[in-house]
N, C-alpha and C. Protein backbone atom coordinates (compact mmCIF):
# COMPACT_ATOMS: atom_id res chain seq x y z
N UNK A 1 -54.40 -17.30 -26.34
CA UNK A 1 -55.07 -18.44 -25.77
C UNK A 1 -54.93 -19.70 -26.60
N UNK A 2 -54.23 -19.62 -27.75
CA UNK A 2 -54.15 -20.78 -28.61
C UNK A 2 -53.41 -21.95 -27.97
N UNK A 3 -52.49 -21.69 -27.11
CA UNK A 3 -51.76 -22.78 -26.47
C UNK A 3 -52.47 -23.28 -25.23
N UNK A 4 -53.33 -22.49 -24.68
CA UNK A 4 -54.02 -22.86 -23.44
C UNK A 4 -55.53 -22.82 -23.65
N UNK A 5 -55.98 -23.58 -24.61
CA UNK A 5 -57.39 -23.56 -25.00
C UNK A 5 -58.29 -23.92 -23.82
N UNK A 6 -57.96 -24.98 -23.12
CA UNK A 6 -58.80 -25.45 -22.01
C UNK A 6 -58.94 -24.37 -20.94
N UNK A 7 -57.83 -23.75 -20.54
CA UNK A 7 -57.88 -22.70 -19.53
C UNK A 7 -58.67 -21.49 -19.99
N UNK A 8 -58.47 -21.11 -21.26
CA UNK A 8 -59.22 -19.97 -21.81
C UNK A 8 -60.71 -20.25 -21.81
N UNK A 9 -61.08 -21.45 -22.25
CA UNK A 9 -62.50 -21.81 -22.26
C UNK A 9 -63.08 -21.85 -20.85
N UNK A 10 -62.33 -22.40 -19.91
CA UNK A 10 -62.81 -22.44 -18.52
C UNK A 10 -63.08 -21.04 -17.99
N UNK A 11 -62.15 -20.10 -18.26
CA UNK A 11 -62.35 -18.73 -17.77
C UNK A 11 -63.53 -18.05 -18.47
N UNK A 12 -63.64 -18.24 -19.77
CA UNK A 12 -64.74 -17.61 -20.51
C UNK A 12 -66.09 -18.19 -20.10
N UNK A 13 -66.17 -19.51 -19.95
CA UNK A 13 -67.44 -20.10 -19.50
C UNK A 13 -67.75 -19.69 -18.06
N UNK A 14 -66.71 -19.46 -17.25
CA UNK A 14 -66.92 -18.93 -15.90
C UNK A 14 -67.57 -17.55 -15.95
N UNK A 15 -67.12 -16.72 -16.88
CA UNK A 15 -67.75 -15.40 -17.05
C UNK A 15 -69.21 -15.54 -17.46
N UNK A 16 -69.49 -16.46 -18.38
CA UNK A 16 -70.88 -16.68 -18.82
C UNK A 16 -71.74 -17.10 -17.63
N UNK A 17 -71.22 -18.00 -16.81
CA UNK A 17 -71.96 -18.46 -15.63
C UNK A 17 -72.28 -17.27 -14.71
N UNK A 18 -71.30 -16.44 -14.43
CA UNK A 18 -71.51 -15.29 -13.54
C UNK A 18 -72.48 -14.28 -14.15
N UNK A 19 -72.39 -14.09 -15.46
CA UNK A 19 -73.35 -13.18 -16.11
C UNK A 19 -74.77 -13.73 -16.02
N UNK A 20 -74.91 -15.04 -16.16
CA UNK A 20 -76.24 -15.64 -16.00
C UNK A 20 -76.76 -15.44 -14.58
N UNK A 21 -75.87 -15.56 -13.60
CA UNK A 21 -76.27 -15.36 -12.21
C UNK A 21 -76.72 -13.92 -11.97
N UNK A 22 -76.01 -12.97 -12.57
CA UNK A 22 -76.38 -11.56 -12.44
C UNK A 22 -77.76 -11.34 -13.05
N UNK A 23 -78.01 -11.95 -14.20
CA UNK A 23 -79.32 -11.77 -14.85
C UNK A 23 -80.44 -12.43 -14.04
N UNK A 24 -80.14 -13.55 -13.40
CA UNK A 24 -81.15 -14.22 -12.56
C UNK A 24 -81.50 -13.38 -11.34
N UNK A 25 -80.55 -12.58 -10.88
CA UNK A 25 -80.77 -11.75 -9.70
C UNK A 25 -81.79 -10.65 -9.98
N UNK A 26 -82.03 -10.40 -11.25
CA UNK A 26 -83.04 -9.40 -11.64
C UNK A 26 -82.44 -8.01 -11.66
N UNK A 27 -82.50 -7.39 -12.79
CA UNK A 27 -81.95 -6.05 -12.97
C UNK A 27 -82.98 -5.20 -13.70
N UNK A 28 -82.75 -3.93 -13.67
CA UNK A 28 -83.56 -3.05 -14.50
C UNK A 28 -83.30 -3.42 -15.96
N UNK A 29 -84.25 -3.15 -16.83
CA UNK A 29 -84.17 -3.56 -18.23
C UNK A 29 -82.89 -3.08 -18.90
N UNK A 30 -82.49 -1.83 -18.68
CA UNK A 30 -81.30 -1.28 -19.33
C UNK A 30 -80.06 -2.02 -18.86
N UNK A 31 -79.96 -2.29 -17.57
CA UNK A 31 -78.81 -3.04 -17.06
C UNK A 31 -78.80 -4.45 -17.64
N UNK A 32 -79.96 -5.06 -17.74
CA UNK A 32 -80.04 -6.42 -18.28
C UNK A 32 -79.56 -6.45 -19.73
N UNK A 33 -79.91 -5.45 -20.51
CA UNK A 33 -79.47 -5.39 -21.91
C UNK A 33 -77.95 -5.28 -22.00
N UNK A 34 -77.33 -4.53 -21.10
CA UNK A 34 -75.87 -4.43 -21.09
C UNK A 34 -75.23 -5.77 -20.75
N UNK A 35 -75.83 -6.49 -19.82
CA UNK A 35 -75.31 -7.81 -19.45
C UNK A 35 -75.45 -8.77 -20.63
N UNK A 36 -76.58 -8.72 -21.32
CA UNK A 36 -76.80 -9.59 -22.48
C UNK A 36 -75.75 -9.29 -23.56
N UNK A 37 -75.48 -8.02 -23.81
CA UNK A 37 -74.47 -7.66 -24.82
C UNK A 37 -73.08 -8.14 -24.40
N UNK A 38 -72.77 -7.99 -23.13
CA UNK A 38 -71.47 -8.43 -22.65
C UNK A 38 -71.36 -9.95 -22.77
N UNK A 39 -72.43 -10.65 -22.39
CA UNK A 39 -72.44 -12.10 -22.50
C UNK A 39 -72.26 -12.52 -23.96
N UNK A 40 -72.88 -11.81 -24.87
CA UNK A 40 -72.74 -12.12 -26.29
C UNK A 40 -71.29 -11.97 -26.73
N UNK A 41 -70.62 -10.91 -26.26
CA UNK A 41 -69.21 -10.73 -26.61
C UNK A 41 -68.36 -11.88 -26.08
N UNK A 42 -68.66 -12.32 -24.86
CA UNK A 42 -67.91 -13.44 -24.27
C UNK A 42 -68.15 -14.71 -25.08
N UNK A 43 -69.40 -14.94 -25.49
CA UNK A 43 -69.71 -16.14 -26.29
C UNK A 43 -69.01 -16.10 -27.65
N UNK A 44 -68.91 -14.93 -28.25
CA UNK A 44 -68.19 -14.81 -29.52
C UNK A 44 -66.71 -15.14 -29.30
N UNK A 45 -66.15 -14.71 -28.17
CA UNK A 45 -64.76 -15.06 -27.85
C UNK A 45 -64.62 -16.58 -27.70
N UNK A 46 -65.59 -17.21 -27.04
CA UNK A 46 -65.57 -18.67 -26.89
C UNK A 46 -65.57 -19.32 -28.27
N UNK A 47 -66.42 -18.82 -29.16
CA UNK A 47 -66.48 -19.37 -30.52
C UNK A 47 -65.13 -19.22 -31.21
N UNK A 48 -64.47 -18.09 -31.00
CA UNK A 48 -63.15 -17.88 -31.59
C UNK A 48 -62.12 -18.86 -31.07
N UNK A 49 -62.16 -19.12 -29.77
CA UNK A 49 -61.23 -20.08 -29.18
C UNK A 49 -61.50 -21.47 -29.75
N UNK A 50 -62.78 -21.84 -29.81
CA UNK A 50 -63.13 -23.16 -30.35
C UNK A 50 -62.70 -23.30 -31.80
N UNK A 51 -62.96 -22.28 -32.61
CA UNK A 51 -62.59 -22.34 -34.03
C UNK A 51 -61.08 -22.45 -34.19
N UNK A 52 -60.33 -21.68 -33.39
CA UNK A 52 -58.87 -21.72 -33.51
C UNK A 52 -58.32 -23.07 -33.06
N UNK A 53 -59.07 -23.79 -32.24
CA UNK A 53 -58.65 -25.12 -31.77
C UNK A 53 -59.16 -26.22 -32.71
N UNK A 54 -59.86 -25.83 -33.77
CA UNK A 54 -60.35 -26.82 -34.73
C UNK A 54 -61.75 -27.32 -34.47
N UNK A 55 -62.41 -26.82 -33.45
CA UNK A 55 -63.78 -27.23 -33.14
C UNK A 55 -64.75 -26.25 -33.80
N UNK A 56 -64.85 -26.35 -35.12
CA UNK A 56 -65.59 -25.36 -35.89
C UNK A 56 -67.10 -25.50 -35.72
N UNK A 57 -67.61 -26.73 -35.69
CA UNK A 57 -69.06 -26.91 -35.58
C UNK A 57 -69.62 -26.34 -34.27
N UNK A 58 -68.98 -26.60 -33.11
CA UNK A 58 -69.47 -25.95 -31.88
C UNK A 58 -69.35 -24.42 -31.95
N UNK A 59 -68.32 -23.92 -32.62
CA UNK A 59 -68.16 -22.47 -32.78
C UNK A 59 -69.32 -21.90 -33.59
N UNK A 60 -69.68 -22.58 -34.67
CA UNK A 60 -70.80 -22.14 -35.50
C UNK A 60 -72.09 -22.14 -34.69
N UNK A 61 -72.29 -23.17 -33.90
CA UNK A 61 -73.50 -23.27 -33.07
C UNK A 61 -73.61 -22.08 -32.11
N UNK A 62 -72.50 -21.72 -31.49
CA UNK A 62 -72.50 -20.59 -30.56
C UNK A 62 -72.76 -19.28 -31.30
N UNK A 63 -72.13 -19.10 -32.47
CA UNK A 63 -72.35 -17.88 -33.24
C UNK A 63 -73.80 -17.75 -33.67
N UNK A 64 -74.43 -18.86 -34.02
CA UNK A 64 -75.85 -18.83 -34.39
C UNK A 64 -76.71 -18.45 -33.19
N UNK A 65 -76.34 -18.96 -32.02
CA UNK A 65 -77.07 -18.64 -30.78
C UNK A 65 -76.99 -17.14 -30.49
N UNK A 66 -75.80 -16.59 -30.59
CA UNK A 66 -75.62 -15.15 -30.34
C UNK A 66 -76.34 -14.33 -31.39
N UNK A 67 -76.28 -14.78 -32.63
CA UNK A 67 -76.95 -14.07 -33.72
C UNK A 67 -78.46 -13.98 -33.46
N UNK A 68 -79.04 -15.04 -32.90
CA UNK A 68 -80.46 -15.02 -32.57
C UNK A 68 -80.78 -14.08 -31.43
N UNK A 69 -79.85 -13.93 -30.48
CA UNK A 69 -80.09 -13.09 -29.31
C UNK A 69 -79.75 -11.62 -29.56
N UNK A 70 -78.92 -11.35 -30.56
CA UNK A 70 -78.46 -9.99 -30.84
C UNK A 70 -78.71 -9.65 -32.31
N UNK A 71 -79.91 -9.24 -32.66
CA UNK A 71 -80.21 -8.95 -34.07
C UNK A 71 -79.29 -7.89 -34.70
N UNK A 72 -78.76 -6.99 -33.88
CA UNK A 72 -77.86 -5.96 -34.43
C UNK A 72 -76.52 -6.55 -34.88
N UNK A 73 -76.23 -7.78 -34.49
CA UNK A 73 -74.99 -8.43 -34.89
C UNK A 73 -75.21 -9.46 -36.00
N UNK A 74 -76.42 -9.46 -36.57
CA UNK A 74 -76.77 -10.47 -37.57
C UNK A 74 -75.77 -10.52 -38.74
N UNK A 75 -75.46 -9.38 -39.32
CA UNK A 75 -74.58 -9.37 -40.50
C UNK A 75 -73.16 -9.81 -40.16
N UNK A 76 -72.49 -9.23 -39.15
CA UNK A 76 -71.11 -9.69 -38.90
C UNK A 76 -71.02 -11.14 -38.44
N UNK A 77 -72.02 -11.60 -37.68
CA UNK A 77 -71.97 -12.99 -37.23
C UNK A 77 -72.28 -13.95 -38.37
N UNK A 78 -73.22 -13.59 -39.23
CA UNK A 78 -73.49 -14.42 -40.40
C UNK A 78 -72.26 -14.48 -41.29
N UNK A 79 -71.58 -13.36 -41.44
CA UNK A 79 -70.35 -13.31 -42.22
C UNK A 79 -69.31 -14.26 -41.63
N UNK A 80 -69.17 -14.27 -40.33
CA UNK A 80 -68.21 -15.17 -39.67
C UNK A 80 -68.61 -16.63 -39.88
N UNK A 81 -69.90 -16.92 -39.80
CA UNK A 81 -70.38 -18.29 -39.99
C UNK A 81 -70.11 -18.75 -41.42
N UNK A 82 -70.35 -17.86 -42.40
CA UNK A 82 -70.08 -18.18 -43.80
C UNK A 82 -68.62 -18.60 -43.96
N UNK A 83 -67.72 -17.82 -43.40
CA UNK A 83 -66.29 -18.10 -43.54
C UNK A 83 -65.92 -19.42 -42.86
N UNK A 84 -66.54 -19.71 -41.72
CA UNK A 84 -66.26 -20.98 -41.05
C UNK A 84 -66.78 -22.15 -41.89
N UNK A 85 -67.95 -22.02 -42.48
CA UNK A 85 -68.46 -23.09 -43.36
C UNK A 85 -67.51 -23.32 -44.53
N UNK A 86 -67.02 -22.25 -45.14
CA UNK A 86 -66.06 -22.41 -46.23
C UNK A 86 -64.80 -23.09 -45.72
N UNK A 87 -64.36 -22.72 -44.54
CA UNK A 87 -63.14 -23.28 -43.96
C UNK A 87 -63.22 -24.79 -43.80
N UNK A 88 -64.39 -25.29 -43.37
CA UNK A 88 -64.53 -26.73 -43.15
C UNK A 88 -65.01 -27.47 -44.40
N UNK A 89 -65.19 -26.74 -45.50
CA UNK A 89 -65.56 -27.38 -46.75
C UNK A 89 -67.05 -27.57 -46.96
N UNK A 90 -67.87 -26.96 -46.10
CA UNK A 90 -69.31 -27.04 -46.29
C UNK A 90 -69.73 -25.86 -47.18
N UNK A 91 -69.36 -25.98 -48.45
CA UNK A 91 -69.51 -24.88 -49.39
C UNK A 91 -70.98 -24.54 -49.62
N UNK A 92 -71.83 -25.57 -49.73
CA UNK A 92 -73.25 -25.33 -50.01
C UNK A 92 -73.89 -24.48 -48.90
N UNK A 93 -73.61 -24.82 -47.64
CA UNK A 93 -74.17 -24.03 -46.53
C UNK A 93 -73.60 -22.62 -46.51
N UNK A 94 -72.31 -22.51 -46.77
CA UNK A 94 -71.68 -21.20 -46.81
C UNK A 94 -72.26 -20.33 -47.91
N UNK A 95 -72.45 -20.91 -49.08
CA UNK A 95 -73.00 -20.15 -50.19
C UNK A 95 -74.45 -19.75 -49.93
N UNK A 96 -75.21 -20.64 -49.29
CA UNK A 96 -76.61 -20.31 -48.97
C UNK A 96 -76.67 -19.11 -48.02
N UNK A 97 -75.83 -19.11 -47.00
CA UNK A 97 -75.80 -17.98 -46.06
C UNK A 97 -75.25 -16.72 -46.72
N UNK A 98 -74.29 -16.91 -47.62
CA UNK A 98 -73.71 -15.76 -48.31
C UNK A 98 -74.80 -15.02 -49.09
N UNK A 99 -75.75 -15.77 -49.62
CA UNK A 99 -76.86 -15.15 -50.33
C UNK A 99 -77.68 -14.24 -49.44
N UNK A 100 -77.79 -14.57 -48.16
CA UNK A 100 -78.52 -13.73 -47.20
C UNK A 100 -77.84 -12.38 -47.00
N UNK A 101 -76.55 -12.33 -47.24
CA UNK A 101 -75.78 -11.12 -46.97
C UNK A 101 -75.71 -10.17 -48.16
N UNK A 102 -76.25 -10.57 -49.29
CA UNK A 102 -76.20 -9.74 -50.48
C UNK A 102 -76.73 -8.34 -50.18
N UNK A 103 -75.91 -7.36 -50.48
CA UNK A 103 -76.28 -5.97 -50.26
C UNK A 103 -76.00 -5.46 -48.85
N UNK A 104 -75.61 -6.34 -47.94
CA UNK A 104 -75.35 -5.93 -46.55
C UNK A 104 -73.88 -5.71 -46.26
N UNK A 105 -73.02 -6.14 -47.17
CA UNK A 105 -71.58 -6.09 -46.93
C UNK A 105 -70.94 -4.94 -47.70
N UNK A 106 -69.80 -4.50 -47.18
CA UNK A 106 -69.01 -3.52 -47.93
C UNK A 106 -68.37 -4.24 -49.12
N UNK A 107 -67.87 -3.48 -50.06
CA UNK A 107 -67.19 -4.08 -51.21
C UNK A 107 -66.01 -4.94 -50.74
N UNK A 108 -65.29 -4.44 -49.76
CA UNK A 108 -64.13 -5.16 -49.23
C UNK A 108 -64.55 -6.50 -48.64
N UNK A 109 -65.59 -6.49 -47.79
CA UNK A 109 -66.06 -7.74 -47.18
C UNK A 109 -66.55 -8.72 -48.24
N UNK A 110 -67.28 -8.22 -49.23
CA UNK A 110 -67.80 -9.09 -50.28
C UNK A 110 -66.67 -9.73 -51.07
N UNK A 111 -65.62 -8.97 -51.35
CA UNK A 111 -64.48 -9.52 -52.09
C UNK A 111 -63.76 -10.59 -51.28
N UNK A 112 -63.58 -10.35 -49.98
CA UNK A 112 -62.92 -11.36 -49.13
C UNK A 112 -63.77 -12.63 -49.08
N UNK A 113 -65.07 -12.48 -48.91
CA UNK A 113 -65.94 -13.66 -48.88
C UNK A 113 -65.89 -14.43 -50.20
N UNK A 114 -65.91 -13.70 -51.31
CA UNK A 114 -65.81 -14.37 -52.61
C UNK A 114 -64.47 -15.08 -52.75
N UNK A 115 -63.41 -14.48 -52.20
CA UNK A 115 -62.10 -15.13 -52.21
C UNK A 115 -62.14 -16.45 -51.46
N UNK A 116 -62.76 -16.45 -50.27
CA UNK A 116 -62.87 -17.68 -49.50
C UNK A 116 -63.75 -18.70 -50.21
N UNK A 117 -64.81 -18.23 -50.88
CA UNK A 117 -65.68 -19.13 -51.63
C UNK A 117 -64.89 -19.82 -52.75
N UNK A 118 -64.07 -19.04 -53.45
CA UNK A 118 -63.26 -19.60 -54.53
C UNK A 118 -62.24 -20.60 -54.00
N UNK A 119 -61.64 -20.29 -52.86
CA UNK A 119 -60.70 -21.24 -52.25
C UNK A 119 -61.42 -22.55 -51.93
N UNK A 120 -62.62 -22.44 -51.39
CA UNK A 120 -63.39 -23.64 -51.05
C UNK A 120 -63.66 -24.49 -52.29
N UNK A 121 -63.73 -23.85 -53.46
CA UNK A 121 -63.93 -24.57 -54.72
C UNK A 121 -62.60 -24.96 -55.37
N UNK A 122 -61.47 -24.56 -54.75
CA UNK A 122 -60.16 -24.90 -55.28
C UNK A 122 -59.69 -24.00 -56.41
N UNK A 123 -60.35 -22.86 -56.60
CA UNK A 123 -59.98 -21.93 -57.68
C UNK A 123 -59.12 -20.81 -57.09
N UNK A 124 -57.82 -21.08 -56.97
CA UNK A 124 -56.91 -20.15 -56.31
C UNK A 124 -56.64 -18.91 -57.15
N UNK A 125 -56.67 -19.03 -58.45
CA UNK A 125 -56.44 -17.88 -59.31
C UNK A 125 -57.57 -16.85 -59.15
N UNK A 126 -58.80 -17.32 -59.19
CA UNK A 126 -59.94 -16.42 -59.01
C UNK A 126 -59.96 -15.86 -57.58
N UNK A 127 -59.64 -16.71 -56.60
CA UNK A 127 -59.58 -16.25 -55.20
C UNK A 127 -58.56 -15.13 -55.05
N UNK A 128 -57.40 -15.32 -55.69
CA UNK A 128 -56.36 -14.30 -55.63
C UNK A 128 -56.87 -12.96 -56.17
N UNK A 129 -57.63 -13.00 -57.25
CA UNK A 129 -58.19 -11.76 -57.83
C UNK A 129 -59.11 -11.06 -56.82
N UNK A 130 -59.95 -11.83 -56.13
CA UNK A 130 -60.86 -11.23 -55.14
C UNK A 130 -60.08 -10.63 -53.96
N UNK A 131 -59.09 -11.38 -53.47
CA UNK A 131 -58.30 -10.84 -52.36
C UNK A 131 -57.53 -9.59 -52.78
N UNK A 132 -57.04 -9.57 -54.01
CA UNK A 132 -56.33 -8.39 -54.52
C UNK A 132 -57.25 -7.18 -54.58
N UNK A 133 -58.50 -7.39 -55.01
CA UNK A 133 -59.46 -6.28 -55.05
C UNK A 133 -59.77 -5.78 -53.64
N UNK A 134 -59.85 -6.69 -52.68
CA UNK A 134 -60.09 -6.27 -51.29
C UNK A 134 -58.92 -5.44 -50.78
N UNK A 135 -57.70 -5.84 -51.11
CA UNK A 135 -56.51 -5.07 -50.70
C UNK A 135 -56.49 -3.72 -51.40
N UNK A 136 -56.96 -3.67 -52.64
CA UNK A 136 -57.01 -2.39 -53.36
C UNK A 136 -57.97 -1.42 -52.66
N UNK A 137 -59.06 -1.95 -52.13
CA UNK A 137 -60.04 -1.12 -51.40
C UNK A 137 -59.44 -0.67 -50.07
N UNK A 138 -58.75 -1.61 -49.39
CA UNK A 138 -58.16 -1.31 -48.08
C UNK A 138 -56.79 -1.97 -48.00
N UNK A 139 -55.72 -1.23 -48.28
CA UNK A 139 -54.38 -1.81 -48.24
C UNK A 139 -53.99 -2.38 -46.88
N UNK A 140 -54.69 -2.01 -45.84
CA UNK A 140 -54.39 -2.53 -44.50
C UNK A 140 -55.13 -3.82 -44.17
N UNK A 141 -55.84 -4.40 -45.13
CA UNK A 141 -56.59 -5.63 -44.88
C UNK A 141 -55.62 -6.81 -44.90
N UNK A 142 -55.13 -7.15 -43.73
CA UNK A 142 -54.13 -8.21 -43.59
C UNK A 142 -54.71 -9.57 -43.98
N UNK A 143 -55.96 -9.81 -43.64
CA UNK A 143 -56.58 -11.09 -43.97
C UNK A 143 -56.56 -11.31 -45.48
N UNK A 144 -56.98 -10.29 -46.24
CA UNK A 144 -56.99 -10.41 -47.69
C UNK A 144 -55.57 -10.55 -48.23
N UNK A 145 -54.64 -9.78 -47.70
CA UNK A 145 -53.26 -9.84 -48.17
C UNK A 145 -52.62 -11.19 -47.94
N UNK A 146 -52.79 -11.74 -46.75
CA UNK A 146 -52.19 -13.04 -46.44
C UNK A 146 -52.86 -14.15 -47.24
N UNK A 147 -54.18 -14.10 -47.36
CA UNK A 147 -54.85 -15.14 -48.15
C UNK A 147 -54.51 -15.03 -49.63
N UNK A 148 -54.30 -13.82 -50.12
CA UNK A 148 -53.82 -13.66 -51.49
C UNK A 148 -52.45 -14.30 -51.66
N UNK A 149 -51.59 -14.13 -50.68
CA UNK A 149 -50.26 -14.74 -50.72
C UNK A 149 -50.35 -16.27 -50.70
N UNK A 150 -51.28 -16.81 -49.93
CA UNK A 150 -51.48 -18.26 -49.90
C UNK A 150 -51.93 -18.75 -51.28
N UNK A 151 -52.82 -17.99 -51.91
CA UNK A 151 -53.27 -18.35 -53.26
C UNK A 151 -52.09 -18.37 -54.24
N UNK A 152 -51.23 -17.36 -54.16
CA UNK A 152 -50.05 -17.33 -55.01
C UNK A 152 -49.18 -18.56 -54.78
N UNK A 153 -49.05 -18.95 -53.53
CA UNK A 153 -48.26 -20.14 -53.19
C UNK A 153 -48.86 -21.38 -53.85
N UNK A 154 -50.18 -21.55 -53.74
CA UNK A 154 -50.84 -22.70 -54.38
C UNK A 154 -50.78 -22.64 -55.90
N UNK A 155 -50.62 -21.44 -56.44
CA UNK A 155 -50.51 -21.28 -57.89
C UNK A 155 -49.07 -21.49 -58.37
N UNK A 156 -48.15 -21.78 -57.44
CA UNK A 156 -46.76 -22.05 -57.80
C UNK A 156 -45.91 -20.81 -57.96
N UNK A 157 -46.39 -19.68 -57.46
CA UNK A 157 -45.65 -18.42 -57.59
C UNK A 157 -45.01 -18.06 -56.25
N UNK A 158 -44.01 -18.84 -55.87
CA UNK A 158 -43.38 -18.72 -54.56
C UNK A 158 -42.80 -17.33 -54.31
N UNK A 159 -42.06 -16.80 -55.26
CA UNK A 159 -41.44 -15.47 -55.07
C UNK A 159 -42.48 -14.39 -54.85
N UNK A 160 -43.53 -14.38 -55.67
CA UNK A 160 -44.60 -13.39 -55.50
C UNK A 160 -45.32 -13.59 -54.17
N UNK A 161 -45.46 -14.86 -53.79
CA UNK A 161 -46.13 -15.16 -52.53
C UNK A 161 -45.36 -14.59 -51.34
N UNK A 162 -44.06 -14.77 -51.36
CA UNK A 162 -43.23 -14.25 -50.26
C UNK A 162 -43.33 -12.73 -50.19
N UNK A 163 -43.25 -12.08 -51.35
CA UNK A 163 -43.36 -10.61 -51.37
C UNK A 163 -44.71 -10.15 -50.82
N UNK A 164 -45.77 -10.85 -51.20
CA UNK A 164 -47.10 -10.45 -50.71
C UNK A 164 -47.24 -10.71 -49.21
N UNK A 165 -46.71 -11.84 -48.72
CA UNK A 165 -46.72 -12.09 -47.28
C UNK A 165 -46.03 -10.96 -46.54
N UNK A 166 -44.85 -10.59 -47.00
CA UNK A 166 -44.11 -9.52 -46.36
C UNK A 166 -44.89 -8.21 -46.38
N UNK A 167 -45.48 -7.91 -47.51
CA UNK A 167 -46.26 -6.68 -47.65
C UNK A 167 -47.46 -6.68 -46.70
N UNK A 168 -48.16 -7.82 -46.64
CA UNK A 168 -49.34 -7.92 -45.76
C UNK A 168 -48.96 -7.76 -44.30
N UNK A 169 -47.85 -8.37 -43.92
CA UNK A 169 -47.41 -8.28 -42.53
C UNK A 169 -46.99 -6.86 -42.20
N UNK A 170 -46.24 -6.23 -43.10
CA UNK A 170 -45.80 -4.85 -42.85
C UNK A 170 -46.98 -3.89 -42.78
N UNK A 171 -48.02 -4.13 -43.58
CA UNK A 171 -49.16 -3.22 -43.57
C UNK A 171 -49.97 -3.32 -42.29
N UNK A 172 -49.80 -4.44 -41.57
CA UNK A 172 -50.59 -4.61 -40.34
C UNK A 172 -49.84 -4.16 -39.10
N UNK A 173 -48.54 -3.90 -39.23
CA UNK A 173 -47.75 -3.49 -38.08
C UNK A 173 -47.86 -2.00 -37.83
N UNK A 174 -47.69 -1.64 -36.61
CA UNK A 174 -47.64 -0.23 -36.25
C UNK A 174 -46.44 0.39 -36.97
N UNK A 175 -46.58 1.61 -37.50
CA UNK A 175 -45.48 2.24 -38.27
C UNK A 175 -44.14 2.25 -37.56
N UNK A 176 -44.12 2.32 -36.25
CA UNK A 176 -42.84 2.36 -35.53
C UNK A 176 -42.16 1.00 -35.52
N UNK A 177 -42.91 -0.08 -35.87
CA UNK A 177 -42.30 -1.42 -35.86
C UNK A 177 -41.79 -1.84 -37.21
N UNK A 178 -42.15 -1.13 -38.27
CA UNK A 178 -41.76 -1.53 -39.63
C UNK A 178 -40.32 -1.16 -39.90
């Protein structure tokens, strides 16, 4: 949907409208909860489309809305919001939210978040160390692998960066495609 952002958003918002209509029609509580969960998934997709198109603040607003409606998604949505804040350079807000997640994340998630925090501060060497630890925990973590390669690039280590990019890409492909 990256090339057709407007069309993707139109279709996703159309789904939200229809889900709202279904909820207005009145359903049994269990059915209503399923519709709410489905609507939340659609809203998260909308946030993803907006973020990929560079509209990060509206994406954050939607993720916060869903987080309020779906307490069971609090940790992953807060994690996504933290990363978006770091992405746009709002380090203070990202760090404040990151504090809320202390003890709620896996070692791998915590290392990736610390890597993004270090990038936001311009410390690519330290970021690279965090991404490397995340890859050590899970060699299939493409996000950590690619961001580690970007850090190597910013550190002036082009050859190492290319090797890490290749490794990260190969680790994310299905074995029959490698």
